[in-house]
Amino acid sequence: MKISGNIISINEKGRLIVRNIAMKFDPVLKTGNQVYSKTV
């Protein structure tokens, strides 16, 4: 991860981790409807 001013850049290795964290805050996923793909 690189923070430069107002920009946060995530490299390929960190992308899956950030996605998993973001999924915890997604209100649509809490409904139980599988609208998005799961992470592997």
N, C-alpha and C. Protein backbone atom coordinates (compact mmCIF):
# COMPACT_ATOMS: atom_id res chain seq x y z
N MET A 1 0.84 -1.17 0.00
CA MET A 1 0.00 0.00 0.00
C MET A 1 0.89 1.23 0.00
N LYS A 2 0.46 2.22 -0.77
CA LYS A 2 1.20 3.47 -0.85
C LYS A 2 0.21 4.63 -0.69
N ILE A 3 0.51 5.54 0.22
CA ILE A 3 -0.32 6.71 0.43
C ILE A 3 0.45 7.92 -0.05
N SER A 4 -0.16 8.65 -0.99
CA SER A 4 0.47 9.82 -1.57
C SER A 4 -0.57 10.94 -1.63
N GLY A 5 -0.53 11.83 -0.66
CA GLY A 5 -1.52 12.91 -0.62
C GLY A 5 -2.91 12.37 -0.37
N ASN A 6 -3.82 12.58 -1.33
CA ASN A 6 -5.20 12.09 -1.23
C ASN A 6 -5.41 10.77 -1.94
N ILE A 7 -4.34 10.12 -2.37
CA ILE A 7 -4.44 8.90 -3.15
C ILE A 7 -3.85 7.72 -2.37
N ILE A 8 -4.62 6.64 -2.30
CA ILE A 8 -4.15 5.39 -1.69
C ILE A 8 -4.06 4.37 -2.82
N SER A 9 -2.88 3.80 -3.02
CA SER A 9 -2.66 2.79 -4.06
C SER A 9 -2.41 1.44 -3.40
N ILE A 10 -3.08 0.43 -3.91
CA ILE A 10 -2.94 -0.93 -3.39
C ILE A 10 -2.29 -1.79 -4.46
N ASN A 11 -1.27 -2.55 -4.08
CA ASN A 11 -0.63 -3.44 -5.05
C ASN A 11 -1.45 -4.73 -5.18
N GLU A 12 -1.07 -5.59 -6.10
CA GLU A 12 -1.83 -6.81 -6.37
C GLU A 12 -1.91 -7.73 -5.15
N LYS A 13 -0.85 -7.82 -4.38
CA LYS A 13 -0.86 -8.70 -3.21
C LYS A 13 -1.84 -8.21 -2.14
N GLY A 14 -2.00 -6.92 -2.01
CA GLY A 14 -2.87 -6.37 -0.99
C GLY A 14 -4.32 -6.23 -1.42
N ARG A 15 -4.58 -6.40 -2.69
CA ARG A 15 -5.92 -6.19 -3.23
C ARG A 15 -6.96 -7.13 -2.62
N LEU A 16 -6.63 -8.40 -2.49
CA LEU A 16 -7.56 -9.38 -1.94
C LEU A 16 -7.85 -9.09 -0.47
N ILE A 17 -6.86 -8.68 0.26
CA ILE A 17 -7.05 -8.35 1.67
C ILE A 17 -7.97 -7.15 1.83
N VAL A 18 -7.75 -6.12 1.03
CA VAL A 18 -8.59 -4.92 1.10
C VAL A 18 -10.02 -5.26 0.70
N ARG A 19 -10.19 -6.12 -0.28
CA ARG A 19 -11.53 -6.52 -0.71
C ARG A 19 -12.26 -7.25 0.40
N ASN A 20 -11.58 -8.16 1.09
CA ASN A 20 -12.21 -8.88 2.19
C ASN A 20 -12.61 -7.94 3.32
N ILE A 21 -11.80 -6.97 3.62
CA ILE A 21 -12.12 -6.00 4.66
C ILE A 21 -13.33 -5.16 4.24
N ALA A 22 -13.35 -4.72 2.99
CA ALA A 22 -14.45 -3.88 2.50
C ALA A 22 -15.77 -4.65 2.50
N MET A 23 -15.72 -5.95 2.27
CA MET A 23 -16.94 -6.76 2.26
C MET A 23 -17.63 -6.75 3.62
N LYS A 24 -16.87 -6.62 4.68
CA LYS A 24 -17.45 -6.58 6.04
C LYS A 24 -18.33 -5.36 6.26
N PHE A 25 -18.08 -4.30 5.50
CA PHE A 25 -18.83 -3.06 5.65
C PHE A 25 -19.92 -2.90 4.59
N ASP A 26 -20.09 -3.90 3.72
CA ASP A 26 -21.07 -3.82 2.63
C ASP A 26 -22.46 -4.21 3.14
N PRO A 27 -23.40 -3.26 3.17
CA PRO A 27 -24.73 -3.56 3.71
C PRO A 27 -25.52 -4.56 2.86
N VAL A 28 -25.23 -4.66 1.57
CA VAL A 28 -25.94 -5.60 0.70
C VAL A 28 -25.61 -7.04 1.07
N LEU A 29 -24.36 -7.30 1.44
CA LEU A 29 -23.96 -8.65 1.80
C LEU A 29 -24.63 -9.13 3.08
N LYS A 30 -25.01 -8.22 3.95
CA LYS A 30 -25.66 -8.59 5.21
C LYS A 30 -27.08 -9.10 5.00
N THR A 31 -27.67 -8.82 3.83
CA THR A 31 -29.03 -9.27 3.56
C THR A 31 -29.08 -10.76 3.23
N GLY A 32 -27.94 -11.35 2.91
CA GLY A 32 -27.89 -12.77 2.56
C GLY A 32 -28.05 -13.03 1.07
N ASN A 33 -28.39 -12.01 0.30
CA ASN A 33 -28.51 -12.16 -1.14
C ASN A 33 -27.12 -12.11 -1.76
N GLN A 34 -26.72 -13.18 -2.44
CA GLN A 34 -25.40 -13.24 -3.07
C GLN A 34 -25.44 -12.52 -4.41
N VAL A 35 -25.22 -11.21 -4.37
CA VAL A 35 -25.23 -10.40 -5.58
C VAL A 35 -23.82 -10.29 -6.16
N TYR A 36 -22.84 -10.35 -5.30
CA TYR A 36 -21.45 -10.20 -5.71
C TYR A 36 -20.72 -11.53 -5.61
N SER A 37 -19.61 -11.62 -6.28
CA SER A 37 -18.81 -12.84 -6.19
C SER A 37 -18.10 -12.90 -4.86
N LYS A 38 -17.85 -14.11 -4.41
CA LYS A 38 -17.10 -14.31 -3.17
C LYS A 38 -15.61 -14.28 -3.49
N THR A 39 -14.83 -13.95 -2.50
CA THR A 39 -13.38 -14.03 -2.69
C THR A 39 -12.93 -15.45 -2.47
N VAL A 40 -11.86 -15.82 -3.08
CA VAL A 40 -11.35 -17.19 -3.00
C VAL A 40 -10.43 -17.32 -1.82
